[in-house]
Amino acid sequence: MTTSSLAAVANAAADADVRAGRSENAPPVEEVVARADHDAALKAARDEGFAAGVKAENARILTIEGNALKGHEALVAAHKADPSVTPEASAMAILKAEREKPASDPKAGAQRTLEAMDKAAEGVESRPSAAGDAGADAPKATTPEGWTAEWEASDKLKATYPTAESYVATMKRKARAA
């Protein structure tokens, strides 16, 4: 082809574009369709991500509310408001606060213990025993003199330990370990 024939082909293509309603600067139809598909896909992905985020946040809040214990409402509200707090971290913080509660308020811890004991004893009749304290075990010794007296009073300890001193030494080791 010659230069003039190339120019003629280019002019013919330009005339075809003009007849089709396209100007020289207009993008081809394929590009317009691709852009529309891209915008729709982008919107769908954005909507899907938003829905997944809402679902995850709702699940996080419901789990934090499920971890709540009575008396820790302010802590739970703070955890629900802070998106960086995971349900696991919230549960650990609530348990830590619950463990520290009796230390800061000894009456509350003692009161709960007494209430639990009362509830456990409901329906149980209490009567004094006929034998008194005769059936109770003797209190455990905590001094070398007490351990020596225990050894002297027990045939079983005498069979196990050859001397009172060996029994006292063993009990001292156990007392230090505890």
N, C-alpha and C. Protein backbone atom coordinates (compact mmCIF):
# COMPACT_ATOMS: atom_id res chain seq x y z
N MET A 1 0.83 -1.18 0.00
CA MET A 1 0.00 0.00 0.00
C MET A 1 0.87 1.24 0.00
N THR A 2 0.32 2.22 -0.59
CA THR A 2 1.05 3.48 -0.65
C THR A 2 0.55 4.39 0.45
N THR A 3 1.22 5.48 0.58
CA THR A 3 0.85 6.42 1.62
C THR A 3 -0.53 6.99 1.35
N SER A 4 -0.83 7.22 0.13
CA SER A 4 -2.13 7.79 -0.18
C SER A 4 -3.25 6.79 0.09
N SER A 5 -2.96 5.48 -0.15
CA SER A 5 -4.00 4.49 0.12
C SER A 5 -4.21 4.32 1.62
N LEU A 6 -3.15 4.44 2.44
CA LEU A 6 -3.30 4.39 3.89
C LEU A 6 -4.14 5.56 4.38
N ALA A 7 -3.91 6.70 3.81
CA ALA A 7 -4.67 7.87 4.20
C ALA A 7 -6.13 7.69 3.83
N ALA A 8 -6.38 7.05 2.69
CA ALA A 8 -7.75 6.82 2.26
C ALA A 8 -8.46 5.87 3.21
N VAL A 9 -7.76 4.83 3.69
CA VAL A 9 -8.35 3.87 4.63
C VAL A 9 -8.66 4.58 5.95
N ALA A 10 -7.76 5.41 6.42
CA ALA A 10 -7.96 6.14 7.67
C ALA A 10 -9.15 7.07 7.54
N ASN A 11 -9.25 7.75 6.41
CA ASN A 11 -10.38 8.66 6.19
C ASN A 11 -11.69 7.88 6.16
N ALA A 12 -11.67 6.71 5.55
CA ALA A 12 -12.88 5.89 5.47
C ALA A 12 -13.30 5.43 6.86
N ALA A 13 -12.35 5.07 7.72
CA ALA A 13 -12.65 4.65 9.08
C ALA A 13 -13.22 5.81 9.87
N ALA A 14 -12.66 7.00 9.70
CA ALA A 14 -13.16 8.18 10.39
C ALA A 14 -14.57 8.49 9.95
N ASP A 15 -14.84 8.36 8.63
CA ASP A 15 -16.19 8.61 8.13
C ASP A 15 -17.17 7.60 8.74
N ALA A 16 -16.73 6.34 8.90
CA ALA A 16 -17.60 5.32 9.49
C ALA A 16 -17.92 5.66 10.94
N ASP A 17 -16.94 6.19 11.69
CA ASP A 17 -17.17 6.59 13.07
C ASP A 17 -18.17 7.73 13.14
N VAL A 18 -18.06 8.68 12.25
CA VAL A 18 -18.97 9.82 12.24
C VAL A 18 -20.37 9.34 11.91
N ARG A 19 -20.48 8.44 10.94
CA ARG A 19 -21.81 7.93 10.59
C ARG A 19 -22.40 7.11 11.75
N ALA A 20 -21.57 6.45 12.57
CA ALA A 20 -22.05 5.65 13.69
C ALA A 20 -22.37 6.51 14.91
N GLY A 21 -22.12 7.79 14.84
CA GLY A 21 -22.44 8.69 15.94
C GLY A 21 -21.31 8.85 16.92
N ARG A 22 -20.13 8.42 16.58
CA ARG A 22 -19.00 8.57 17.48
C ARG A 22 -18.12 9.71 17.00
N SER A 23 -17.60 10.44 17.98
CA SER A 23 -16.64 11.47 17.60
C SER A 23 -15.24 10.89 17.74
N GLU A 24 -14.27 11.67 17.36
CA GLU A 24 -12.89 11.18 17.42
C GLU A 24 -12.46 10.90 18.85
N ASN A 25 -12.93 11.67 19.82
CA ASN A 25 -12.50 11.54 21.21
C ASN A 25 -13.35 10.55 22.01
N ALA A 26 -14.44 10.07 21.49
CA ALA A 26 -15.33 9.16 22.22
C ALA A 26 -14.69 7.79 22.35
N PRO A 27 -14.84 7.16 23.54
CA PRO A 27 -14.28 5.82 23.71
C PRO A 27 -15.11 4.81 22.92
N PRO A 28 -14.50 3.70 22.56
CA PRO A 28 -15.26 2.68 21.83
C PRO A 28 -16.38 2.12 22.71
N VAL A 29 -17.37 1.53 22.08
CA VAL A 29 -18.53 0.99 22.79
C VAL A 29 -18.10 -0.07 23.79
N GLU A 30 -17.14 -0.92 23.46
CA GLU A 30 -16.68 -1.97 24.36
C GLU A 30 -16.15 -1.39 25.67
N GLU A 31 -15.47 -0.24 25.56
CA GLU A 31 -14.91 0.39 26.76
C GLU A 31 -16.03 0.91 27.66
N VAL A 32 -17.06 1.48 27.08
CA VAL A 32 -18.19 2.00 27.85
C VAL A 32 -18.90 0.85 28.56
N VAL A 33 -19.13 -0.26 27.87
CA VAL A 33 -19.78 -1.43 28.47
C VAL A 33 -18.92 -1.99 29.59
N ALA A 34 -17.61 -2.10 29.38
CA ALA A 34 -16.70 -2.63 30.39
C ALA A 34 -16.70 -1.74 31.63
N ARG A 35 -16.74 -0.41 31.42
CA ARG A 35 -16.75 0.51 32.56
C ARG A 35 -18.05 0.34 33.36
N ALA A 36 -19.16 0.18 32.70
CA ALA A 36 -20.44 -0.02 33.38
C ALA A 36 -20.43 -1.33 34.17
N ASP A 37 -19.88 -2.39 33.57
CA ASP A 37 -19.77 -3.66 34.28
C ASP A 37 -18.86 -3.53 35.51
N HIS A 38 -17.77 -2.78 35.34
CA HIS A 38 -16.82 -2.57 36.44
C HIS A 38 -17.50 -1.81 37.58
N ASP A 39 -18.23 -0.75 37.26
CA ASP A 39 -18.91 0.03 38.29
C ASP A 39 -19.94 -0.83 39.04
N ALA A 40 -20.67 -1.67 38.31
CA ALA A 40 -21.66 -2.54 38.94
C ALA A 40 -20.97 -3.57 39.84
N ALA A 41 -19.87 -4.13 39.37
CA ALA A 41 -19.13 -5.11 40.17
C ALA A 41 -18.55 -4.46 41.42
N LEU A 42 -18.04 -3.24 41.26
CA LEU A 42 -17.48 -2.51 42.39
C LEU A 42 -18.56 -2.22 43.43
N LYS A 43 -19.73 -1.79 42.99
CA LYS A 43 -20.84 -1.52 43.90
C LYS A 43 -21.28 -2.81 44.60
N ALA A 44 -21.37 -3.91 43.87
CA ALA A 44 -21.78 -5.18 44.46
C ALA A 44 -20.76 -5.64 45.51
N ALA A 45 -19.47 -5.49 45.21
CA ALA A 45 -18.43 -5.89 46.16
C ALA A 45 -18.48 -5.01 47.40
N ARG A 46 -18.69 -3.70 47.21
CA ARG A 46 -18.78 -2.78 48.34
C ARG A 46 -19.98 -3.14 49.22
N ASP A 47 -21.13 -3.39 48.59
CA ASP A 47 -22.34 -3.75 49.34
C ASP A 47 -22.15 -5.07 50.09
N GLU A 48 -21.52 -6.04 49.44
CA GLU A 48 -21.28 -7.34 50.07
C GLU A 48 -20.34 -7.19 51.27
N GLY A 49 -19.29 -6.39 51.11
CA GLY A 49 -18.36 -6.15 52.21
C GLY A 49 -19.02 -5.43 53.37
N PHE A 50 -19.88 -4.46 53.06
CA PHE A 50 -20.60 -3.74 54.10
C PHE A 50 -21.52 -4.68 54.87
N ALA A 51 -22.25 -5.53 54.14
CA ALA A 51 -23.16 -6.48 54.78
C ALA A 51 -22.38 -7.46 55.67
N ALA A 52 -21.23 -7.93 55.19
CA ALA A 52 -20.42 -8.85 55.99
C ALA A 52 -19.90 -8.15 57.24
N GLY A 53 -19.50 -6.88 57.11
CA GLY A 53 -19.03 -6.12 58.27
C GLY A 53 -20.12 -5.92 59.31
N VAL A 54 -21.32 -5.60 58.85
CA VAL A 54 -22.45 -5.42 59.76
C VAL A 54 -22.76 -6.72 60.48
N LYS A 55 -22.75 -7.82 59.74
CA LYS A 55 -23.04 -9.13 60.33
C LYS A 55 -21.98 -9.48 61.38
N ALA A 56 -20.71 -9.24 61.07
CA ALA A 56 -19.63 -9.55 62.01
C ALA A 56 -19.72 -8.68 63.26
N GLU A 57 -20.04 -7.40 63.10
CA GLU A 57 -20.16 -6.50 64.25
C GLU A 57 -21.35 -6.89 65.13
N ASN A 58 -22.46 -7.26 64.51
CA ASN A 58 -23.62 -7.72 65.28
C ASN A 58 -23.28 -8.98 66.07
N ALA A 59 -22.57 -9.90 65.45
CA ALA A 59 -22.16 -11.13 66.13
C ALA A 59 -21.23 -10.81 67.29
N ARG A 60 -20.31 -9.85 67.10
CA ARG A 60 -19.38 -9.45 68.16
C ARG A 60 -20.14 -8.88 69.35
N ILE A 61 -21.09 -8.00 69.08
CA ILE A 61 -21.86 -7.38 70.16
C ILE A 61 -22.70 -8.41 70.89
N LEU A 62 -23.35 -9.30 70.15
CA LEU A 62 -24.17 -10.33 70.80
C LEU A 62 -23.33 -11.25 71.67
N THR A 63 -22.12 -11.58 71.21
CA THR A 63 -21.24 -12.44 72.00
C THR A 63 -20.77 -11.73 73.27
N ILE A 64 -20.44 -10.45 73.14
CA ILE A 64 -20.03 -9.67 74.33
C ILE A 64 -21.18 -9.60 75.32
N GLU A 65 -22.41 -9.38 74.83
CA GLU A 65 -23.56 -9.35 75.73
C GLU A 65 -23.78 -10.72 76.39
N GLY A 66 -23.50 -11.78 75.66
CA GLY A 66 -23.63 -13.12 76.22
C GLY A 66 -22.62 -13.40 77.31
N ASN A 67 -21.48 -12.71 77.27
CA ASN A 67 -20.44 -12.89 78.29
C ASN A 67 -20.72 -12.10 79.56
N ALA A 68 -21.72 -11.23 79.54
CA ALA A 68 -21.96 -10.30 80.64
C ALA A 68 -22.32 -11.03 81.93
N LEU A 69 -21.82 -10.49 83.03
CA LEU A 69 -22.18 -10.96 84.36
C LEU A 69 -22.81 -9.80 85.11
N LYS A 70 -23.70 -10.11 86.03
CA LYS A 70 -24.39 -9.09 86.81
C LYS A 70 -23.37 -8.23 87.55
N GLY A 71 -23.57 -6.93 87.48
CA GLY A 71 -22.67 -6.01 88.16
C GLY A 71 -21.57 -5.46 87.27
N HIS A 72 -21.49 -5.92 86.03
CA HIS A 72 -20.43 -5.46 85.12
C HIS A 72 -21.02 -4.80 83.87
N GLU A 73 -22.20 -4.17 84.02
CA GLU A 73 -22.88 -3.58 82.88
C GLU A 73 -22.06 -2.46 82.24
N ALA A 74 -21.39 -1.64 83.05
CA ALA A 74 -20.60 -0.53 82.51
C ALA A 74 -19.43 -1.06 81.68
N LEU A 75 -18.80 -2.12 82.15
CA LEU A 75 -17.69 -2.72 81.42
C LEU A 75 -18.17 -3.30 80.09
N VAL A 76 -19.32 -3.96 80.10
CA VAL A 76 -19.88 -4.53 78.87
C VAL A 76 -20.23 -3.42 77.88
N ALA A 77 -20.82 -2.33 78.37
CA ALA A 77 -21.17 -1.21 77.49
C ALA A 77 -19.91 -0.61 76.85
N ALA A 78 -18.84 -0.49 77.63
CA ALA A 78 -17.59 0.04 77.08
C ALA A 78 -17.01 -0.90 76.03
N HIS A 79 -17.10 -2.20 76.25
CA HIS A 79 -16.59 -3.17 75.29
C HIS A 79 -17.41 -3.16 74.01
N LYS A 80 -18.73 -2.99 74.12
CA LYS A 80 -19.57 -2.95 72.93
C LYS A 80 -19.28 -1.70 72.11
N ALA A 81 -18.94 -0.60 72.76
CA ALA A 81 -18.68 0.66 72.06
C ALA A 81 -17.31 0.67 71.38
N ASP A 82 -16.38 -0.12 71.87
CA ASP A 82 -15.01 -0.13 71.32
C ASP A 82 -14.87 -1.28 70.32
N PRO A 83 -14.80 -0.98 69.01
CA PRO A 83 -14.74 -2.06 68.02
C PRO A 83 -13.44 -2.87 68.07
N SER A 84 -12.43 -2.38 68.77
CA SER A 84 -11.18 -3.14 68.83
C SER A 84 -11.22 -4.25 69.88
N VAL A 85 -12.24 -4.26 70.74
CA VAL A 85 -12.35 -5.28 71.79
C VAL A 85 -13.04 -6.51 71.22
N THR A 86 -12.34 -7.63 71.25
CA THR A 86 -12.91 -8.89 70.75
C THR A 86 -13.77 -9.51 71.85
N PRO A 87 -14.67 -10.41 71.49
CA PRO A 87 -15.47 -11.09 72.52
C PRO A 87 -14.60 -11.84 73.53
N GLU A 88 -13.50 -12.41 73.05
CA GLU A 88 -12.61 -13.15 73.95
C GLU A 88 -11.95 -12.21 74.96
N ALA A 89 -11.48 -11.05 74.48
CA ALA A 89 -10.85 -10.08 75.37
C ALA A 89 -11.88 -9.55 76.37
N SER A 90 -13.10 -9.35 75.92
CA SER A 90 -14.17 -8.89 76.80
C SER A 90 -14.44 -9.90 77.90
N ALA A 91 -14.54 -11.17 77.53
CA ALA A 91 -14.80 -12.22 78.52
C ALA A 91 -13.68 -12.27 79.56
N MET A 92 -12.44 -12.17 79.11
CA MET A 92 -11.32 -12.21 80.04
C MET A 92 -11.35 -11.01 80.99
N ALA A 93 -11.68 -9.82 80.46
CA ALA A 93 -11.75 -8.63 81.31
C ALA A 93 -12.87 -8.74 82.33
N ILE A 94 -14.00 -9.29 81.92
CA ILE A 94 -15.13 -9.45 82.85
C ILE A 94 -14.77 -10.45 83.95
N LEU A 95 -14.14 -11.56 83.58
CA LEU A 95 -13.73 -12.54 84.59
C LEU A 95 -12.70 -11.97 85.55
N LYS A 96 -11.77 -11.17 85.01
CA LYS A 96 -10.77 -10.54 85.87
C LYS A 96 -11.44 -9.59 86.85
N ALA A 97 -12.39 -8.80 86.36
CA ALA A 97 -13.11 -7.87 87.24
C ALA A 97 -13.92 -8.64 88.28
N GLU A 98 -14.48 -9.76 87.90
CA GLU A 98 -15.26 -10.57 88.84
C GLU A 98 -14.35 -11.15 89.93
N ARG A 99 -13.14 -11.59 89.54
CA ARG A 99 -12.20 -12.13 90.54
C ARG A 99 -11.72 -11.05 91.48
N GLU A 100 -11.54 -9.83 90.97
CA GLU A 100 -11.05 -8.74 91.80
C GLU A 100 -12.15 -8.15 92.68
N LYS A 101 -13.38 -8.39 92.35
CA LYS A 101 -14.50 -7.82 93.09
C LYS A 101 -14.48 -8.19 94.57
N PRO A 102 -14.34 -9.46 94.96
CA PRO A 102 -14.30 -9.77 96.39
C PRO A 102 -13.10 -9.13 97.10
N ALA A 103 -11.99 -8.96 96.40
CA ALA A 103 -10.82 -8.34 97.02
C ALA A 103 -11.09 -6.87 97.32
N SER A 104 -11.82 -6.18 96.45
CA SER A 104 -12.10 -4.78 96.68
C SER A 104 -13.28 -4.59 97.63
N ASP A 105 -14.16 -5.56 97.70
CA ASP A 105 -15.33 -5.49 98.57
C ASP A 105 -15.46 -6.82 99.32
N PRO A 106 -14.71 -6.99 100.42
CA PRO A 106 -14.72 -8.28 101.11
C PRO A 106 -16.10 -8.69 101.59
N LYS A 107 -16.94 -7.73 101.95
CA LYS A 107 -18.28 -8.08 102.43
C LYS A 107 -19.10 -8.72 101.31
N ALA A 108 -18.91 -8.24 100.08
CA ALA A 108 -19.66 -8.81 98.95
C ALA A 108 -19.25 -10.26 98.73
N GLY A 109 -17.95 -10.54 98.79
CA GLY A 109 -17.49 -11.91 98.60
C GLY A 109 -17.95 -12.81 99.73
N ALA A 110 -17.87 -12.33 100.97
CA ALA A 110 -18.31 -13.12 102.12
C ALA A 110 -19.82 -13.33 102.07
N GLN A 111 -20.54 -12.29 101.67
CA GLN A 111 -21.99 -12.41 101.59
C GLN A 111 -22.40 -13.46 100.56
N ARG A 112 -21.71 -13.46 99.40
CA ARG A 112 -22.02 -14.46 98.37
C ARG A 112 -21.72 -15.86 98.88
N THR A 113 -20.64 -16.01 99.62
CA THR A 113 -20.28 -17.32 100.16
C THR A 113 -21.34 -17.80 101.15
N LEU A 114 -21.78 -16.90 102.03
CA LEU A 114 -22.80 -17.27 103.00
C LEU A 114 -24.12 -17.61 102.31
N GLU A 115 -24.48 -16.85 101.30
CA GLU A 115 -25.72 -17.13 100.56
C GLU A 115 -25.64 -18.50 99.88
N ALA A 116 -24.48 -18.81 99.31
CA ALA A 116 -24.31 -20.11 98.66
C ALA A 116 -24.41 -21.24 99.68
N MET A 117 -23.83 -21.03 100.86
CA MET A 117 -23.91 -22.06 101.91
C MET A 117 -25.35 -22.24 102.39
N ASP A 118 -26.07 -21.13 102.56
CA ASP A 118 -27.47 -21.21 102.98
C ASP A 118 -28.30 -21.95 101.94
N LYS A 119 -28.06 -21.65 100.68
CA LYS A 119 -28.82 -22.31 99.61
C LYS A 119 -28.52 -23.81 99.59
N ALA A 120 -27.26 -24.17 99.80
CA ALA A 120 -26.88 -25.59 99.80
C ALA A 120 -27.49 -26.33 100.99
N ALA A 121 -27.70 -25.63 102.10
CA ALA A 121 -28.20 -26.28 103.31
C ALA A 121 -29.72 -26.25 103.41
N GLU A 122 -30.41 -25.70 102.41
CA GLU A 122 -31.87 -25.64 102.47
C GLU A 122 -32.44 -27.05 102.58
N GLY A 123 -33.38 -27.24 103.50
CA GLY A 123 -34.05 -28.53 103.64
C GLY A 123 -33.29 -29.54 104.48
N VAL A 124 -32.11 -29.19 104.95
CA VAL A 124 -31.32 -30.12 105.77
C VAL A 124 -31.58 -29.81 107.24
N GLU A 125 -31.93 -30.83 107.99
CA GLU A 125 -32.14 -30.64 109.43
C GLU A 125 -30.82 -30.80 110.15
N SER A 126 -30.57 -29.92 111.07
CA SER A 126 -29.34 -29.98 111.84
C SER A 126 -29.68 -30.32 113.29
N ARG A 127 -29.06 -31.38 113.80
CA ARG A 127 -29.26 -31.81 115.19
C ARG A 127 -27.90 -32.04 115.82
N PRO A 128 -27.77 -31.77 117.09
CA PRO A 128 -26.49 -32.06 117.74
C PRO A 128 -26.26 -33.57 117.78
N SER A 129 -25.01 -33.96 117.66
CA SER A 129 -24.70 -35.39 117.70
C SER A 129 -24.70 -35.88 119.15
N ALA A 130 -24.99 -37.14 119.33
CA ALA A 130 -25.03 -37.73 120.67
C ALA A 130 -23.62 -37.88 121.23
N ALA A 131 -22.65 -38.06 120.34
CA ALA A 131 -21.28 -38.31 120.78
C ALA A 131 -20.51 -37.02 121.02
N GLY A 132 -21.03 -35.89 120.60
CA GLY A 132 -20.29 -34.65 120.75
C GLY A 132 -19.12 -34.62 119.80
N ASP A 133 -17.95 -34.23 120.29
CA ASP A 133 -16.76 -34.17 119.45
C ASP A 133 -15.94 -35.45 119.51
N ALA A 134 -16.46 -36.47 120.16
CA ALA A 134 -15.69 -37.70 120.33
C ALA A 134 -15.36 -38.35 118.99
N GLY A 135 -16.21 -38.20 117.99
CA GLY A 135 -15.95 -38.83 116.70
C GLY A 135 -15.05 -38.02 115.80
N ALA A 136 -14.73 -36.79 116.19
CA ALA A 136 -13.93 -35.92 115.34
C ALA A 136 -12.45 -36.28 115.45
N ASP A 137 -11.73 -36.08 114.36
CA ASP A 137 -10.29 -36.32 114.37
C ASP A 137 -9.62 -35.24 115.21
N ALA A 138 -8.51 -35.60 115.83
CA ALA A 138 -7.74 -34.63 116.58
C ALA A 138 -7.13 -33.63 115.61
N PRO A 139 -6.98 -32.40 116.05
CA PRO A 139 -6.38 -31.41 115.14
C PRO A 139 -4.94 -31.80 114.81
N LYS A 140 -4.52 -31.48 113.60
CA LYS A 140 -3.17 -31.81 113.15
C LYS A 140 -2.15 -30.93 113.85
N ALA A 141 -1.05 -31.51 114.21
CA ALA A 141 0.02 -30.78 114.87
C ALA A 141 0.75 -29.91 113.86
N THR A 142 1.26 -28.77 114.34
CA THR A 142 1.99 -27.86 113.45
C THR A 142 3.35 -27.46 114.04
N THR A 143 3.73 -28.06 115.16
CA THR A 143 5.01 -27.74 115.79
C THR A 143 5.78 -29.04 116.02
N PRO A 144 7.09 -28.95 116.21
CA PRO A 144 7.88 -30.16 116.48
C PRO A 144 7.39 -30.92 117.72
N GLU A 145 6.95 -30.20 118.77
CA GLU A 145 6.45 -30.86 119.97
C GLU A 145 5.17 -31.62 119.66
N GLY A 146 4.31 -31.01 118.86
CA GLY A 146 3.06 -31.66 118.47
C GLY A 146 3.31 -32.89 117.61
N TRP A 147 4.29 -32.81 116.71
CA TRP A 147 4.62 -33.95 115.84
C TRP A 147 5.20 -35.11 116.67
N THR A 148 6.01 -34.74 117.67
CA THR A 148 6.57 -35.78 118.55
C THR A 148 5.44 -36.47 119.31
N ALA A 149 4.48 -35.70 119.82
CA ALA A 149 3.34 -36.28 120.54
C ALA A 149 2.51 -37.16 119.60
N GLU A 150 2.34 -36.74 118.35
CA GLU A 150 1.61 -37.56 117.36
C GLU A 150 2.31 -38.90 117.16
N TRP A 151 3.66 -38.86 117.02
CA TRP A 151 4.43 -40.08 116.77
C TRP A 151 4.30 -41.04 117.96
N GLU A 152 4.38 -40.47 119.16
CA GLU A 152 4.31 -41.30 120.36
C GLU A 152 2.92 -41.92 120.53
N ALA A 153 1.87 -41.26 120.06
CA ALA A 153 0.51 -41.76 120.25
C ALA A 153 0.07 -42.72 119.15
N SER A 154 0.84 -42.82 118.06
CA SER A 154 0.38 -43.61 116.91
C SER A 154 1.30 -44.79 116.63
N ASP A 155 0.73 -46.00 116.68
CA ASP A 155 1.51 -47.19 116.33
C ASP A 155 1.83 -47.20 114.83
N LYS A 156 0.94 -46.66 114.03
CA LYS A 156 1.16 -46.63 112.59
C LYS A 156 2.37 -45.75 112.25
N LEU A 157 2.46 -44.58 112.90
CA LEU A 157 3.61 -43.70 112.66
C LEU A 157 4.90 -44.35 113.17
N LYS A 158 4.82 -45.06 114.28
CA LYS A 158 6.02 -45.74 114.81
C LYS A 158 6.49 -46.83 113.86
N ALA A 159 5.55 -47.47 113.16
CA ALA A 159 5.92 -48.51 112.20
C ALA A 159 6.53 -47.88 110.94
N THR A 160 6.10 -46.67 110.61
CA THR A 160 6.58 -46.01 109.39
C THR A 160 7.89 -45.28 109.63
N TYR A 161 8.01 -44.59 110.77
CA TYR A 161 9.20 -43.80 111.08
C TYR A 161 9.90 -44.43 112.28
N PRO A 162 11.21 -44.72 112.17
CA PRO A 162 11.91 -45.41 113.26
C PRO A 162 12.03 -44.57 114.53
N THR A 163 12.13 -43.24 114.37
CA THR A 163 12.27 -42.38 115.55
C THR A 163 11.34 -41.18 115.42
N ALA A 164 11.10 -40.54 116.57
CA ALA A 164 10.27 -39.33 116.56
C ALA A 164 10.97 -38.23 115.78
N GLU A 165 12.31 -38.20 115.87
CA GLU A 165 13.07 -37.16 115.18
C GLU A 165 12.93 -37.28 113.66
N SER A 166 12.89 -38.51 113.15
CA SER A 166 12.75 -38.69 111.70
C SER A 166 11.36 -38.22 111.25
N TYR A 167 10.35 -38.48 112.07
CA TYR A 167 8.99 -38.02 111.75
C TYR A 167 8.94 -36.50 111.79
N VAL A 168 9.55 -35.89 112.81
CA VAL A 168 9.57 -34.42 112.93
C VAL A 168 10.29 -33.81 111.73
N ALA A 169 11.41 -34.40 111.31
CA ALA A 169 12.16 -33.87 110.16
C ALA A 169 11.31 -33.94 108.89
N THR A 170 10.60 -35.05 108.71
CA THR A 170 9.73 -35.20 107.54
C THR A 170 8.62 -34.14 107.55
N MET A 171 8.02 -33.92 108.70
CA MET A 171 6.93 -32.95 108.80
C MET A 171 7.44 -31.52 108.58
N LYS A 172 8.68 -31.23 109.02
CA LYS A 172 9.26 -29.91 108.78
C LYS A 172 9.44 -29.68 107.29
N ARG A 173 9.94 -30.71 106.56
CA ARG A 173 10.11 -30.59 105.10
C ARG A 173 8.76 -30.33 104.43
N LYS A 174 7.75 -31.08 104.85
CA LYS A 174 6.41 -30.90 104.27
C LYS A 174 5.86 -29.50 104.56
N ALA A 175 6.11 -29.01 105.77
CA ALA A 175 5.62 -27.68 106.14
C ALA A 175 6.31 -26.60 105.32
N ARG A 176 7.62 -26.78 105.07
CA ARG A 176 8.35 -25.80 104.24
C ARG A 176 7.88 -25.84 102.80
N ALA A 177 7.57 -27.01 102.29
CA ALA A 177 7.13 -27.16 100.89
C ALA A 177 5.76 -26.52 100.70
N ALA A 178 4.95 -26.53 101.72
CA ALA A 178 3.59 -25.96 101.60
C ALA A 178 3.64 -24.49 101.77
